[in-house]
C-alpha atoms as a PDB file:
ATOM      1  CA  UNK A   1     -28.706  -3.783   7.259  1.00  0.00           C
ATOM      2  CA  UNK A   2     -27.437  -7.105   6.049  1.00  0.00           C
ATOM      3  CA  UNK A   3     -23.857  -7.415   4.801  1.00  0.00           C
ATOM      4  CA  UNK A   4     -23.223  -7.252   1.074  1.00  0.00           C
ATOM      5  CA  UNK A   5     -22.652 -10.602  -0.577  1.00  0.00           C
ATOM      6  CA  UNK A   6     -19.405 -11.234  -2.388  1.00  0.00           C
ATOM      7  CA  UNK A   7     -21.416 -12.092  -5.492  1.00  0.00           C
ATOM      8  CA  UNK A   8     -23.158  -8.691  -5.445  1.00  0.00           C
ATOM      9  CA  UNK A   9     -19.835  -6.916  -4.955  1.00  0.00           C
ATOM     10  CA  UNK A  10     -18.372  -8.608  -8.034  1.00  0.00           C
ATOM     11  CA  UNK A  11     -21.573  -7.924 -10.003  1.00  0.00           C
ATOM     12  CA  UNK A  12     -21.261  -4.212  -9.198  1.00  0.00           C
ATOM     13  CA  UNK A  13     -17.675  -4.252 -10.468  1.00  0.00           C
ATOM     14  CA  UNK A  14     -18.821  -6.051 -13.632  1.00  0.00           C
ATOM     15  CA  UNK A  15     -21.544  -3.454 -14.150  1.00  0.00           C
ATOM     16  CA  UNK A  16     -18.952  -0.661 -13.887  1.00  0.00           C
ATOM     17  CA  UNK A  17     -16.797  -2.410 -16.487  1.00  0.00           C
ATOM     18  CA  UNK A  18     -19.711  -2.880 -18.883  1.00  0.00           C
ATOM     19  CA  UNK A  19     -20.797   0.745 -18.597  1.00  0.00           C
ATOM     20  CA  UNK A  20     -17.220   1.943 -19.090  1.00  0.00           C
ATOM     21  CA  UNK A  21     -16.786  -0.266 -22.167  1.00  0.00           C
ATOM     22  CA  UNK A  22     -20.094   0.951 -23.590  1.00  0.00           C
ATOM     23  CA  UNK A  23     -18.992   4.555 -23.135  1.00  0.00           C
ATOM     24  CA  UNK A  24     -21.866   5.424 -20.835  1.00  0.00           C
ATOM     25  CA  UNK A  25     -19.610   5.921 -17.809  1.00  0.00           C
ATOM     26  CA  UNK A  26     -16.791   8.461 -17.840  1.00  0.00           C
ATOM     27  CA  UNK A  27     -13.622   8.015 -15.780  1.00  0.00           C
ATOM     28  CA  UNK A  28     -14.610  10.578 -13.129  1.00  0.00           C
ATOM     29  CA  UNK A  29     -17.990   8.870 -12.789  1.00  0.00           C
ATOM     30  CA  UNK A  30     -16.236   5.486 -12.485  1.00  0.00           C
ATOM     31  CA  UNK A  31     -14.181   6.818  -9.588  1.00  0.00           C
ATOM     32  CA  UNK A  32     -17.292   8.166  -7.873  1.00  0.00           C
ATOM     33  CA  UNK A  33     -19.221   4.926  -8.276  1.00  0.00           C
ATOM     34  CA  UNK A  34     -16.270   2.883  -7.029  1.00  0.00           C
ATOM     35  CA  UNK A  35     -16.053   5.160  -3.989  1.00  0.00           C
ATOM     36  CA  UNK A  36     -19.778   4.637  -3.373  1.00  0.00           C
ATOM     37  CA  UNK A  37     -19.330   0.868  -3.514  1.00  0.00           C
ATOM     38  CA  UNK A  38     -16.466   1.064  -1.013  1.00  0.00           C
ATOM     39  CA  UNK A  39     -18.465   3.337   1.282  1.00  0.00           C
ATOM     40  CA  UNK A  40     -21.367   0.894   1.222  1.00  0.00           C
ATOM     41  CA  UNK A  41     -18.993  -1.972   2.025  1.00  0.00           C
ATOM     42  CA  UNK A  42     -17.632  -0.051   5.014  1.00  0.00           C
ATOM     43  CA  UNK A  43     -21.137   0.682   6.255  1.00  0.00           C
ATOM     44  CA  UNK A  44     -22.681  -2.742   5.741  1.00  0.00           C
ATOM     45  CA  UNK A  45     -19.711  -5.084   5.646  1.00  0.00           C
ATOM     46  CA  UNK A  46     -19.014  -7.980   3.318  1.00  0.00           C
ATOM     47  CA  UNK A  47     -20.333 -11.458   4.030  1.00  0.00           C
ATOM     48  CA  UNK A  48     -17.150 -13.216   2.922  1.00  0.00           C
ATOM     49  CA  UNK A  49     -13.908 -14.074   4.605  1.00  0.00           C
ATOM     50  CA  UNK A  50     -10.538 -12.625   3.691  1.00  0.00           C
ATOM     51  CA  UNK A  51      -9.477 -15.570   1.516  1.00  0.00           C
ATOM     52  CA  UNK A  52     -12.694 -15.583  -0.547  1.00  0.00           C
ATOM     53  CA  UNK A  53     -12.573 -11.824  -1.053  1.00  0.00           C
ATOM     54  CA  UNK A  54      -8.921 -11.893  -2.082  1.00  0.00           C
ATOM     55  CA  UNK A  55      -9.622 -14.729  -4.522  1.00  0.00           C
ATOM     56  CA  UNK A  56     -12.628 -12.876  -5.988  1.00  0.00           C
ATOM     57  CA  UNK A  57     -10.559  -9.726  -6.553  1.00  0.00           C
ATOM     58  CA  UNK A  58      -7.743 -11.745  -8.152  1.00  0.00           C
ATOM     59  CA  UNK A  59     -10.292 -13.408 -10.436  1.00  0.00           C
ATOM     60  CA  UNK A  60     -11.773 -10.023 -11.349  1.00  0.00           C
ATOM     61  CA  UNK A  61      -8.315  -8.803 -12.355  1.00  0.00           C
ATOM     62  CA  UNK A  62      -7.660 -12.004 -14.329  1.00  0.00           C
ATOM     63  CA  UNK A  63     -10.995 -11.690 -16.183  1.00  0.00           C
ATOM     64  CA  UNK A  64     -10.368  -8.018 -16.948  1.00  0.00           C
ATOM     65  CA  UNK A  65     -13.250  -6.713 -14.852  1.00  0.00           C
ATOM     66  CA  UNK A  66     -10.854  -4.448 -12.968  1.00  0.00           C
ATOM     67  CA  UNK A  67      -7.286  -3.436 -13.664  1.00  0.00           C
ATOM     68  CA  UNK A  68      -4.410  -4.579 -11.478  1.00  0.00           C
ATOM     69  CA  UNK A  69      -4.055  -1.089  -9.913  1.00  0.00           C
ATOM     70  CA  UNK A  70      -7.777  -1.021  -9.066  1.00  0.00           C
ATOM     71  CA  UNK A  71      -7.455  -4.524  -7.632  1.00  0.00           C
ATOM     72  CA  UNK A  72      -4.530  -3.392  -5.474  1.00  0.00           C
ATOM     73  CA  UNK A  73      -6.491  -0.304  -4.385  1.00  0.00           C
ATOM     74  CA  UNK A  74      -9.511  -2.404  -3.401  1.00  0.00           C
ATOM     75  CA  UNK A  75      -7.294  -4.897  -1.584  1.00  0.00           C
ATOM     76  CA  UNK A  76      -5.757  -2.072   0.445  1.00  0.00           C
ATOM     77  CA  UNK A  77      -9.058  -0.264   1.103  1.00  0.00           C
ATOM     78  CA  UNK A  78     -10.702  -3.472   2.270  1.00  0.00           C
ATOM     79  CA  UNK A  79      -7.781  -4.215   4.583  1.00  0.00           C
ATOM     80  CA  UNK A  80      -6.795  -7.400   2.797  1.00  0.00           C
ATOM     81  CA  UNK A  81      -3.123  -6.590   2.265  1.00  0.00           C
END
């Protein structure tokens, strides 16, 4: 399988945010979907370097797509810290 693009990764995070804001995704479902995204990243890899991924996560926090704690969690889980 081909690695996941950084753009797709951010789009998945945006989709989670939109569904949470719309009330169609509960917090326990958010956690499960986020875990699925991370599992898929571990299996397939990410087609971006460390600097680009770190910058994308920082931008996602800045734009409110993810919270700072989620950003820190993703940074740690992806081995970027």
